[in-house]
């Protein structure tokens, strides 16, 4: 979970050095995407992979997030969402090897 804060911070510092604080804030705010977990039953399952399970964590949604990252007006939100999905995907891989 800490990586959901650290990685966007590192990306913001490196890629958006002049406005890294606002870039980091926007990327952190994209964690609101996790609200789709409230649609699941049970809401929290430590053994469930969010990728492909939750509405905003699907592959079609990821394509939209990648597209958003390509356009200047939506770039920060898109990057934040892509980072979030990548970290969730890594978490899924980690669970598979436990």
PDB file of N, CA and C in Angstrom:
ATOM      1  N   UNK A   1       0.818  -1.193   0.000  1.00  0.00           N
ATOM      2  CA  UNK A   1       0.000   0.000   0.000  1.00  0.00           C
ATOM      3  C   UNK A   1       0.864   1.260   0.000  1.00  0.00           C
ATOM      4  N   UNK A   2       1.968   1.210   0.690  1.00  0.00           N
ATOM      5  CA  UNK A   2       2.851   2.380   0.740  1.00  0.00           C
ATOM      6  C   UNK A   2       3.372   2.744  -0.644  1.00  0.00           C
ATOM      7  N   UNK A   3       3.547   1.733  -1.495  1.00  0.00           N
ATOM      8  CA  UNK A   3       4.039   2.003  -2.844  1.00  0.00           C
ATOM      9  C   UNK A   3       3.058   2.852  -3.646  1.00  0.00           C
ATOM     10  N   UNK A   4       1.760   2.801  -3.290  1.00  0.00           N
ATOM     11  CA  UNK A   4       0.758   3.613  -3.983  1.00  0.00           C
ATOM     12  C   UNK A   4       0.983   5.110  -3.720  1.00  0.00           C
ATOM     13  N   UNK A   5       1.760   5.428  -2.702  1.00  0.00           N
ATOM     14  CA  UNK A   5       2.125   6.813  -2.417  1.00  0.00           C
ATOM     15  C   UNK A   5       3.553   7.119  -2.886  1.00  0.00           C
ATOM     16  N   UNK A   6       4.447   6.159  -2.675  1.00  0.00           N
ATOM     17  CA  UNK A   6       5.862   6.373  -2.975  1.00  0.00           C
ATOM     18  C   UNK A   6       6.129   6.439  -4.474  1.00  0.00           C
ATOM     19  N   UNK A   7       5.612   5.483  -5.241  1.00  0.00           N
ATOM     20  CA  UNK A   7       5.898   5.434  -6.678  1.00  0.00           C
ATOM     21  C   UNK A   7       5.393   6.690  -7.403  1.00  0.00           C
ATOM     22  N   UNK A   8       4.129   7.114  -7.180  1.00  0.00           N
ATOM     23  CA  UNK A   8       3.709   8.366  -7.836  1.00  0.00           C
ATOM     24  C   UNK A   8       4.582   9.555  -7.421  1.00  0.00           C
ATOM     25  N   UNK A   9       5.039   9.566  -6.186  1.00  0.00           N
ATOM     26  CA  UNK A   9       5.918  10.635  -5.726  1.00  0.00           C
ATOM     27  C   UNK A   9       7.232  10.647  -6.478  1.00  0.00           C
ATOM     28  N   UNK A  10       7.806   9.475  -6.680  1.00  0.00           N
ATOM     29  CA  UNK A  10       9.060   9.368  -7.428  1.00  0.00           C
ATOM     30  C   UNK A  10       8.874   9.779  -8.888  1.00  0.00           C
ATOM     31  N   UNK A  11       7.768   9.333  -9.487  1.00  0.00           N
ATOM     32  CA  UNK A  11       7.481   9.703 -10.879  1.00  0.00           C
ATOM     33  C   UNK A  11       7.275  11.214 -10.980  1.00  0.00           C
ATOM     34  N   UNK A  12       6.525  11.776 -10.043  1.00  0.00           N
ATOM     35  CA  UNK A  12       6.267  13.222 -10.051  1.00  0.00           C
ATOM     36  C   UNK A  12       7.570  13.995  -9.921  1.00  0.00           C
ATOM     37  N   UNK A  13       8.431  13.565  -9.019  1.00  0.00           N
ATOM     38  CA  UNK A  13       9.707  14.250  -8.782  1.00  0.00           C
ATOM     39  C   UNK A  13      10.597  14.197 -10.033  1.00  0.00           C
ATOM     40  N   UNK A  14      10.600  13.050 -10.710  1.00  0.00           N
ATOM     41  CA  UNK A  14      11.477  12.857 -11.864  1.00  0.00           C
ATOM     42  C   UNK A  14      10.900  13.478 -13.143  1.00  0.00           C
ATOM     43  N   UNK A  15       9.611  13.240 -13.412  1.00  0.00           N
ATOM     44  CA  UNK A  15       9.025  13.651 -14.691  1.00  0.00           C
ATOM     45  C   UNK A  15       8.406  15.050 -14.668  1.00  0.00           C
ATOM     46  N   UNK A  16       8.036  15.507 -13.487  1.00  0.00           N
ATOM     47  CA  UNK A  16       7.362  16.806 -13.385  1.00  0.00           C
ATOM     48  C   UNK A  16       8.046  17.646 -12.303  1.00  0.00           C
ATOM     49  N   UNK A  17       9.344  17.763 -12.390  1.00  0.00           N
ATOM     50  CA  UNK A  17      10.151  18.383 -11.343  1.00  0.00           C
ATOM     51  C   UNK A  17       9.682  19.784 -10.953  1.00  0.00           C
ATOM     52  N   UNK A  18       9.292  20.587 -11.923  1.00  0.00           N
ATOM     53  CA  UNK A  18       8.893  21.965 -11.628  1.00  0.00           C
ATOM     54  C   UNK A  18       7.571  22.054 -10.870  1.00  0.00           C
ATOM     55  N   UNK A  19       6.709  21.077 -11.072  1.00  0.00           N
ATOM     56  CA  UNK A  19       5.411  21.088 -10.395  1.00  0.00           C
ATOM     57  C   UNK A  19       5.135  19.733  -9.726  1.00  0.00           C
ATOM     58  N   UNK A  20       6.166  19.166  -9.134  1.00  0.00           N
ATOM     59  CA  UNK A  20       6.053  17.806  -8.615  1.00  0.00           C
ATOM     60  C   UNK A  20       5.013  17.661  -7.520  1.00  0.00           C
ATOM     61  N   UNK A  21       4.838  18.670  -6.682  1.00  0.00           N
ATOM     62  CA  UNK A  21       3.864  18.553  -5.586  1.00  0.00           C
ATOM     63  C   UNK A  21       2.443  18.453  -6.108  1.00  0.00           C
ATOM     64  N   UNK A  22       2.087  19.287  -7.067  1.00  0.00           N
ATOM     65  CA  UNK A  22       0.732  19.222  -7.620  1.00  0.00           C
ATOM     66  C   UNK A  22       0.562  17.958  -8.464  1.00  0.00           C
ATOM     67  N   UNK A  23       1.615  17.543  -9.174  1.00  0.00           N
ATOM     68  CA  UNK A  23       1.548  16.310  -9.964  1.00  0.00           C
ATOM     69  C   UNK A  23       1.345  15.103  -9.044  1.00  0.00           C
ATOM     70  N   UNK A  24       2.078  15.076  -7.952  1.00  0.00           N
ATOM     71  CA  UNK A  24       1.948  13.980  -6.992  1.00  0.00           C
ATOM     72  C   UNK A  24       0.554  13.970  -6.374  1.00  0.00           C
ATOM     73  N   UNK A  25       0.040  15.134  -6.041  1.00  0.00           N
ATOM     74  CA  UNK A  25      -1.301  15.225  -5.459  1.00  0.00           C
ATOM     75  C   UNK A  25      -2.355  14.669  -6.411  1.00  0.00           C
ATOM     76  N   UNK A  26      -2.264  15.043  -7.678  1.00  0.00           N
ATOM     77  CA  UNK A  26      -3.227  14.533  -8.667  1.00  0.00           C
ATOM     78  C   UNK A  26      -3.119  13.018  -8.772  1.00  0.00           C
ATOM     79  N   UNK A  27      -1.897  12.509  -8.828  1.00  0.00           N
ATOM     80  CA  UNK A  27      -1.721  11.057  -8.952  1.00  0.00           C
ATOM     81  C   UNK A  27      -2.213  10.324  -7.706  1.00  0.00           C
ATOM     82  N   UNK A  28      -2.041  10.910  -6.539  1.00  0.00           N
ATOM     83  CA  UNK A  28      -2.536  10.294  -5.304  1.00  0.00           C
ATOM     84  C   UNK A  28      -4.065  10.296  -5.294  1.00  0.00           C
ATOM     85  N   UNK A  29      -4.663  11.367  -5.792  1.00  0.00           N
ATOM     86  CA  UNK A  29      -6.122  11.448  -5.823  1.00  0.00           C
ATOM     87  C   UNK A  29      -6.755  10.388  -6.721  1.00  0.00           C
ATOM     88  N   UNK A  30      -5.972   9.833  -7.639  1.00  0.00           N
ATOM     89  CA  UNK A  30      -6.521   8.780  -8.493  1.00  0.00           C
ATOM     90  C   UNK A  30      -6.791   7.489  -7.712  1.00  0.00           C
ATOM     91  N   UNK A  31      -6.341   7.434  -6.472  1.00  0.00           N
ATOM     92  CA  UNK A  31      -6.637   6.257  -5.649  1.00  0.00           C
ATOM     93  C   UNK A  31      -8.129   6.144  -5.361  1.00  0.00           C
ATOM     94  N   UNK A  32      -8.884   7.176  -5.706  1.00  0.00           N
ATOM     95  CA  UNK A  32     -10.333   7.112  -5.564  1.00  0.00           C
ATOM     96  C   UNK A  32     -10.910   5.986  -6.430  1.00  0.00           C
ATOM     97  N   UNK A  33     -10.112   5.519  -7.387  1.00  0.00           N
ATOM     98  CA  UNK A  33     -10.526   4.408  -8.247  1.00  0.00           C
ATOM     99  C   UNK A  33     -10.849   3.172  -7.400  1.00  0.00           C
ATOM    100  N   UNK A  34     -10.302   3.100  -6.210  1.00  0.00           N
ATOM    101  CA  UNK A  34     -10.560   1.957  -5.334  1.00  0.00           C
ATOM    102  C   UNK A  34     -11.971   1.949  -4.749  1.00  0.00           C
ATOM    103  N   UNK A  35     -12.739   2.974  -5.007  1.00  0.00           N
ATOM    104  CA  UNK A  35     -14.132   2.964  -4.543  1.00  0.00           C
ATOM    105  C   UNK A  35     -14.916   1.814  -5.162  1.00  0.00           C
ATOM    106  N   UNK A  36     -14.454   1.305  -6.294  1.00  0.00           N
ATOM    107  CA  UNK A  36     -15.163   0.180  -6.905  1.00  0.00           C
ATOM    108  C   UNK A  36     -15.088  -1.083  -6.047  1.00  0.00           C
ATOM    109  N   UNK A  37     -14.205  -1.107  -5.079  1.00  0.00           N
ATOM    110  CA  UNK A  37     -14.122  -2.252  -4.165  1.00  0.00           C
ATOM    111  C   UNK A  37     -15.398  -2.369  -3.333  1.00  0.00           C
ATOM    112  N   UNK A  38     -16.084  -1.258  -3.119  1.00  0.00           N
ATOM    113  CA  UNK A  38     -17.324  -1.288  -2.336  1.00  0.00           C
ATOM    114  C   UNK A  38     -18.457  -1.991  -3.070  1.00  0.00           C
ATOM    115  N   UNK A  39     -18.299  -2.235  -4.358  1.00  0.00           N
ATOM    116  CA  UNK A  39     -19.312  -2.946  -5.132  1.00  0.00           C
ATOM    117  C   UNK A  39     -19.131  -4.460  -5.028  1.00  0.00           C
ATOM    118  N   UNK A  40     -18.024  -4.891  -4.471  1.00  0.00           N
ATOM    119  CA  UNK A  40     -17.730  -6.321  -4.366  1.00  0.00           C
ATOM    120  C   UNK A  40     -18.343  -6.906  -3.102  1.00  0.00           C
ATOM    121  N   UNK A  41     -18.546  -8.209  -3.132  1.00  0.00           N
ATOM    122  CA  UNK A  41     -19.061  -8.916  -1.963  1.00  0.00           C
ATOM    123  C   UNK A  41     -18.158 -10.117  -1.708  1.00  0.00           C
ATOM    124  N   UNK A  42     -17.388 -10.135  -0.660  1.00  0.00           N
ATOM    125  CA  UNK A  42     -17.279  -9.131   0.386  1.00  0.00           C
ATOM    126  C   UNK A  42     -16.483  -7.915  -0.108  1.00  0.00           C
ATOM    127  N   UNK A  43     -16.643  -6.820   0.582  1.00  0.00           N
ATOM    128  CA  UNK A  43     -15.963  -5.589   0.200  1.00  0.00           C
ATOM    129  C   UNK A  43     -14.456  -5.801   0.225  1.00  0.00           C
ATOM    130  N   UNK A  44     -13.952  -6.464   1.247  1.00  0.00           N
ATOM    131  CA  UNK A  44     -12.519  -6.718   1.350  1.00  0.00           C
ATOM    132  C   UNK A  44     -12.266  -8.211   1.414  1.00  0.00           C
ATOM    133  N   UNK A  45     -11.416  -8.680   0.540  1.00  0.00           N
ATOM    134  CA  UNK A  45     -10.980 -10.075   0.550  1.00  0.00           C
ATOM    135  C   UNK A  45      -9.473 -10.064   0.311  1.00  0.00           C
ATOM    136  N   UNK A  46      -8.695 -10.393   1.329  1.00  0.00           N
ATOM    137  CA  UNK A  46      -7.232 -10.308   1.187  1.00  0.00           C
ATOM    138  C   UNK A  46      -6.667 -11.252   0.127  1.00  0.00           C
ATOM    139  N   UNK A  47      -7.439 -12.246  -0.275  1.00  0.00           N
ATOM    140  CA  UNK A  47      -6.958 -13.213  -1.261  1.00  0.00           C
ATOM    141  C   UNK A  47      -7.495 -12.940  -2.666  1.00  0.00           C
ATOM    142  N   UNK A  48      -8.141 -11.802  -2.858  1.00  0.00           N
ATOM    143  CA  UNK A  48      -8.719 -11.489  -4.163  1.00  0.00           C
ATOM    144  C   UNK A  48      -7.824 -10.514  -4.919  1.00  0.00           C
ATOM    145  N   UNK A  49      -7.589 -10.820  -6.180  1.00  0.00           N
ATOM    146  CA  UNK A  49      -6.843  -9.925  -7.066  1.00  0.00           C
ATOM    147  C   UNK A  49      -7.821  -8.889  -7.607  1.00  0.00           C
ATOM    148  N   UNK A  50      -7.482  -7.615  -7.456  1.00  0.00           N
ATOM    149  CA  UNK A  50      -8.403  -6.577  -7.935  1.00  0.00           C
ATOM    150  C   UNK A  50      -8.428  -6.461  -9.451  1.00  0.00           C
ATOM    151  N   UNK A  51      -7.327  -6.792 -10.117  1.00  0.00           N
ATOM    152  CA  UNK A  51      -7.271  -6.669 -11.574  1.00  0.00           C
ATOM    153  C   UNK A  51      -8.205  -7.701 -12.204  1.00  0.00           C
ATOM    154  N   UNK A  52      -9.129  -7.191 -13.003  1.00  0.00           N
ATOM    155  CA  UNK A  52     -10.095  -8.062 -13.662  1.00  0.00           C
ATOM    156  C   UNK A  52     -11.299  -8.396 -12.804  1.00  0.00           C
ATOM    157  N   UNK A  53     -11.285  -8.000 -11.541  1.00  0.00           N
ATOM    158  CA  UNK A  53     -12.397  -8.301 -10.632  1.00  0.00           C
ATOM    159  C   UNK A  53     -13.290  -7.095 -10.429  1.00  0.00           C
ATOM    160  N   UNK A  54     -12.704  -5.961 -10.169  1.00  0.00           N
ATOM    161  CA  UNK A  54     -13.459  -4.745  -9.889  1.00  0.00           C
ATOM    162  C   UNK A  54     -13.653  -3.940 -11.170  1.00  0.00           C
ATOM    163  N   UNK A  55     -14.777  -3.263 -11.269  1.00  0.00           N
ATOM    164  CA  UNK A  55     -15.178  -2.545 -12.476  1.00  0.00           C
ATOM    165  C   UNK A  55     -14.099  -1.604 -13.014  1.00  0.00           C
ATOM    166  N   UNK A  56     -13.494  -0.813 -12.155  1.00  0.00           N
ATOM    167  CA  UNK A  56     -12.493   0.157 -12.595  1.00  0.00           C
ATOM    168  C   UNK A  56     -11.084  -0.423 -12.631  1.00  0.00           C
ATOM    169  N   UNK A  57     -10.973  -1.726 -12.419  1.00  0.00           N
ATOM    170  CA  UNK A  57      -9.695  -2.429 -12.458  1.00  0.00           C
ATOM    171  C   UNK A  57      -9.691  -3.474 -13.577  1.00  0.00           C
ATOM    172  N   UNK A  58     -10.436  -3.220 -14.643  1.00  0.00           N
ATOM    173  CA  UNK A  58     -10.537  -4.166 -15.760  1.00  0.00           C
ATOM    174  C   UNK A  58      -9.572  -3.762 -16.870  1.00  0.00           C
ATOM    175  N   UNK A  59      -9.370  -4.676 -17.809  1.00  0.00           N
ATOM    176  CA  UNK A  59      -8.471  -4.384 -18.927  1.00  0.00           C
ATOM    177  C   UNK A  59      -9.026  -3.283 -19.839  1.00  0.00           C
ATOM    178  N   UNK A  60     -10.345  -3.246 -20.110  1.00  0.00           N
ATOM    179  CA  UNK A  60     -10.860  -2.110 -20.886  1.00  0.00           C
ATOM    180  C   UNK A  60     -10.623  -0.772 -20.176  1.00  0.00           C
ATOM    181  N   UNK A  61     -10.761  -0.754 -18.865  1.00  0.00           N
ATOM    182  CA  UNK A  61     -10.495   0.470 -18.107  1.00  0.00           C
ATOM    183  C   UNK A  61      -9.026   0.851 -18.234  1.00  0.00           C
ATOM    184  N   UNK A  62      -8.135  -0.135 -18.209  1.00  0.00           N
ATOM    185  CA  UNK A  62      -6.704   0.137 -18.341  1.00  0.00           C
ATOM    186  C   UNK A  62      -6.389   0.777 -19.691  1.00  0.00           C
ATOM    187  N   UNK A  63      -7.064   0.335 -20.734  1.00  0.00           N
ATOM    188  CA  UNK A  63      -6.865   0.940 -22.061  1.00  0.00           C
ATOM    189  C   UNK A  63      -7.263   2.416 -22.023  1.00  0.00           C
ATOM    190  N   UNK A  64      -8.351   2.720 -21.339  1.00  0.00           N
ATOM    191  CA  UNK A  64      -8.778   4.113 -21.191  1.00  0.00           C
ATOM    192  C   UNK A  64      -7.729   4.904 -20.419  1.00  0.00           C
ATOM    193  N   UNK A  65      -7.202   4.322 -19.336  1.00  0.00           N
ATOM    194  CA  UNK A  65      -6.192   5.007 -18.522  1.00  0.00           C
ATOM    195  C   UNK A  65      -4.923   5.274 -19.338  1.00  0.00           C
ATOM    196  N   UNK A  66      -4.520   4.291 -20.141  1.00  0.00           N
ATOM    197  CA  UNK A  66      -3.345   4.478 -20.994  1.00  0.00           C
ATOM    198  C   UNK A  66      -3.589   5.587 -22.018  1.00  0.00           C
ATOM    199  N   UNK A  67      -4.800   5.626 -22.555  1.00  0.00           N
ATOM    200  CA  UNK A  67      -5.161   6.681 -23.507  1.00  0.00           C
ATOM    201  C   UNK A  67      -5.123   8.046 -22.837  1.00  0.00           C
ATOM    202  N   UNK A  68      -5.613   8.110 -21.606  1.00  0.00           N
ATOM    203  CA  UNK A  68      -5.596   9.376 -20.867  1.00  0.00           C
ATOM    204  C   UNK A  68      -4.160   9.874 -20.668  1.00  0.00           C
ATOM    205  N   UNK A  69      -3.244   8.956 -20.450  1.00  0.00           N
ATOM    206  CA  UNK A  69      -1.849   9.328 -20.218  1.00  0.00           C
ATOM    207  C   UNK A  69      -1.199   9.921 -21.469  1.00  0.00           C
ATOM    208  N   UNK A  70      -1.808   9.684 -22.623  1.00  0.00           N
ATOM    209  CA  UNK A  70      -1.240  10.178 -23.877  1.00  0.00           C
ATOM    210  C   UNK A  70      -1.577  11.638 -24.166  1.00  0.00           C
ATOM    211  N   UNK A  71      -2.579  12.176 -23.489  1.00  0.00           N
ATOM    212  CA  UNK A  71      -3.028  13.543 -23.772  1.00  0.00           C
ATOM    213  C   UNK A  71      -2.651  14.486 -22.633  1.00  0.00           C
ATOM    214  N   UNK A  72      -2.109  15.644 -22.964  1.00  0.00           N
ATOM    215  CA  UNK A  72      -1.641  16.581 -21.928  1.00  0.00           C
ATOM    216  C   UNK A  72      -2.678  16.942 -20.866  1.00  0.00           C
ATOM    217  N   UNK A  73      -3.929  17.139 -21.256  1.00  0.00           N
ATOM    218  CA  UNK A  73      -4.942  17.579 -20.285  1.00  0.00           C
ATOM    219  C   UNK A  73      -5.309  16.494 -19.276  1.00  0.00           C
ATOM    220  N   UNK A  74      -5.141  15.234 -19.643  1.00  0.00           N
ATOM    221  CA  UNK A  74      -5.502  14.131 -18.748  1.00  0.00           C
ATOM    222  C   UNK A  74      -4.294  13.291 -18.352  1.00  0.00           C
ATOM    223  N   UNK A  75      -3.111  13.755 -18.722  1.00  0.00           N
ATOM    224  CA  UNK A  75      -1.883  12.966 -18.532  1.00  0.00           C
ATOM    225  C   UNK A  75      -1.645  12.560 -17.077  1.00  0.00           C
ATOM    226  N   UNK A  76      -1.729  13.493 -16.148  1.00  0.00           N
ATOM    227  CA  UNK A  76      -1.426  13.160 -14.745  1.00  0.00           C
ATOM    228  C   UNK A  76      -2.406  12.142 -14.184  1.00  0.00           C
ATOM    229  N   UNK A  77      -3.676  12.313 -14.499  1.00  0.00           N
ATOM    230  CA  UNK A  77      -4.679  11.349 -14.028  1.00  0.00           C
ATOM    231  C   UNK A  77      -4.404   9.987 -14.654  1.00  0.00           C
ATOM    232  N   UNK A  78      -4.139   9.968 -15.952  1.00  0.00           N
ATOM    233  CA  UNK A  78      -3.851   8.710 -16.635  1.00  0.00           C
ATOM    234  C   UNK A  78      -2.627   8.016 -16.066  1.00  0.00           C
ATOM    235  N   UNK A  79      -1.569   8.763 -15.848  1.00  0.00           N
ATOM    236  CA  UNK A  79      -0.343   8.178 -15.278  1.00  0.00           C
ATOM    237  C   UNK A  79      -0.613   7.643 -13.879  1.00  0.00           C
ATOM    238  N   UNK A  80      -1.332   8.409 -13.072  1.00  0.00           N
ATOM    239  CA  UNK A  80      -1.666   7.952 -11.724  1.00  0.00           C
ATOM    240  C   UNK A  80      -2.452   6.652 -11.747  1.00  0.00           C
ATOM    241  N   UNK A  81      -3.417   6.555 -12.659  1.00  0.00           N
ATOM    242  CA  UNK A  81      -4.235   5.334 -12.760  1.00  0.00           C
ATOM    243  C   UNK A  81      -3.419   4.154 -13.284  1.00  0.00           C
ATOM    244  N   UNK A  82      -2.549   4.399 -14.237  1.00  0.00           N
ATOM    245  CA  UNK A  82      -1.704   3.326 -14.768  1.00  0.00           C
ATOM    246  C   UNK A  82      -0.747   2.820 -13.684  1.00  0.00           C
ATOM    247  N   UNK A  83      -0.164   3.728 -12.927  1.00  0.00           N
ATOM    248  CA  UNK A  83       0.710   3.328 -11.818  1.00  0.00           C
ATOM    249  C   UNK A  83      -0.076   2.478 -10.822  1.00  0.00           C
ATOM    250  N   UNK A  84      -1.281   2.931 -10.494  1.00  0.00           N
ATOM    251  CA  UNK A  84      -2.128   2.214  -9.542  1.00  0.00           C
ATOM    252  C   UNK A  84      -2.406   0.790 -10.041  1.00  0.00           C
ATOM    253  N   UNK A  85      -2.779   0.666 -11.318  1.00  0.00           N
ATOM    254  CA  UNK A  85      -3.083  -0.659 -11.879  1.00  0.00           C
ATOM    255  C   UNK A  85      -1.836  -1.540 -11.910  1.00  0.00           C
ATOM    256  N   UNK A  86      -0.692  -0.951 -12.244  1.00  0.00           N
ATOM    257  CA  UNK A  86       0.552  -1.722 -12.276  1.00  0.00           C
ATOM    258  C   UNK A  86       0.904  -2.253 -10.885  1.00  0.00           C
ATOM    259  N   UNK A  87       0.750  -1.418  -9.876  1.00  0.00           N
ATOM    260  CA  UNK A  87       1.047  -1.859  -8.509  1.00  0.00           C
ATOM    261  C   UNK A  87       0.055  -2.920  -8.047  1.00  0.00           C
ATOM    262  N   UNK A  88      -1.217  -2.774  -8.425  1.00  0.00           N
ATOM    263  CA  UNK A  88      -2.204  -3.800  -8.077  1.00  0.00           C
ATOM    264  C   UNK A  88      -1.890  -5.112  -8.793  1.00  0.00           C
ATOM    265  N   UNK A  89      -1.432  -5.017 -10.044  1.00  0.00           N
ATOM    266  CA  UNK A  89      -1.077  -6.209 -10.796  1.00  0.00           C
ATOM    267  C   UNK A  89       0.112  -6.915 -10.139  1.00  0.00           C
ATOM    268  N   UNK A  90       1.090  -6.151  -9.702  1.00  0.00           N
ATOM    269  CA  UNK A  90       2.246  -6.722  -8.992  1.00  0.00           C
ATOM    270  C   UNK A  90       1.780  -7.409  -7.709  1.00  0.00           C
ATOM    271  N   UNK A  91       0.817  -6.805  -7.020  1.00  0.00           N
ATOM    272  CA  UNK A  91       0.260  -7.404  -5.819  1.00  0.00           C
ATOM    273  C   UNK A  91      -0.404  -8.742  -6.145  1.00  0.00           C
ATOM    274  N   UNK A  92      -1.099  -8.808  -7.276  1.00  0.00           N
ATOM    275  CA  UNK A  92      -1.727 -10.059  -7.704  1.00  0.00           C
ATOM    276  C   UNK A  92      -0.671 -11.137  -7.958  1.00  0.00           C
ATOM    277  N   UNK A  93       0.414 -10.750  -8.613  1.00  0.00           N
ATOM    278  CA  UNK A  93       1.500 -11.699  -8.849  1.00  0.00           C
ATOM    279  C   UNK A  93       2.103 -12.176  -7.529  1.00  0.00           C
ATOM    280  N   UNK A  94       2.286 -11.253  -6.620  1.00  0.00           N
ATOM    281  CA  UNK A  94       2.853 -11.565  -5.312  1.00  0.00           C
ATOM    282  C   UNK A  94       1.962 -12.582  -4.576  1.00  0.00           C
ATOM    283  N   UNK A  95       0.643 -12.370  -4.645  1.00  0.00           N
ATOM    284  CA  UNK A  95      -0.298 -13.296  -3.990  1.00  0.00           C
ATOM    285  C   UNK A  95      -0.233 -14.688  -4.627  1.00  0.00           C
ATOM    286  N   UNK A  96      -0.007 -14.746  -5.922  1.00  0.00           N
ATOM    287  CA  UNK A  96       0.035 -16.028  -6.615  1.00  0.00           C
ATOM    288  C   UNK A  96       1.220 -16.868  -6.174  1.00  0.00           C
ATOM    289  N   UNK A  97       2.283 -16.233  -5.718  1.00  0.00           N
ATOM    290  CA  UNK A  97       3.494 -16.971  -5.320  1.00  0.00           C
ATOM    291  C   UNK A  97       3.565 -17.239  -3.815  1.00  0.00           C
ATOM    292  N   UNK A  98       2.560 -16.796  -3.088  1.00  0.00           N
ATOM    293  CA  UNK A  98       2.578 -17.041  -1.637  1.00  0.00           C
ATOM    294  C   UNK A  98       2.086 -18.430  -1.310  1.00  0.00           C
TER     295      UNK A  98
END
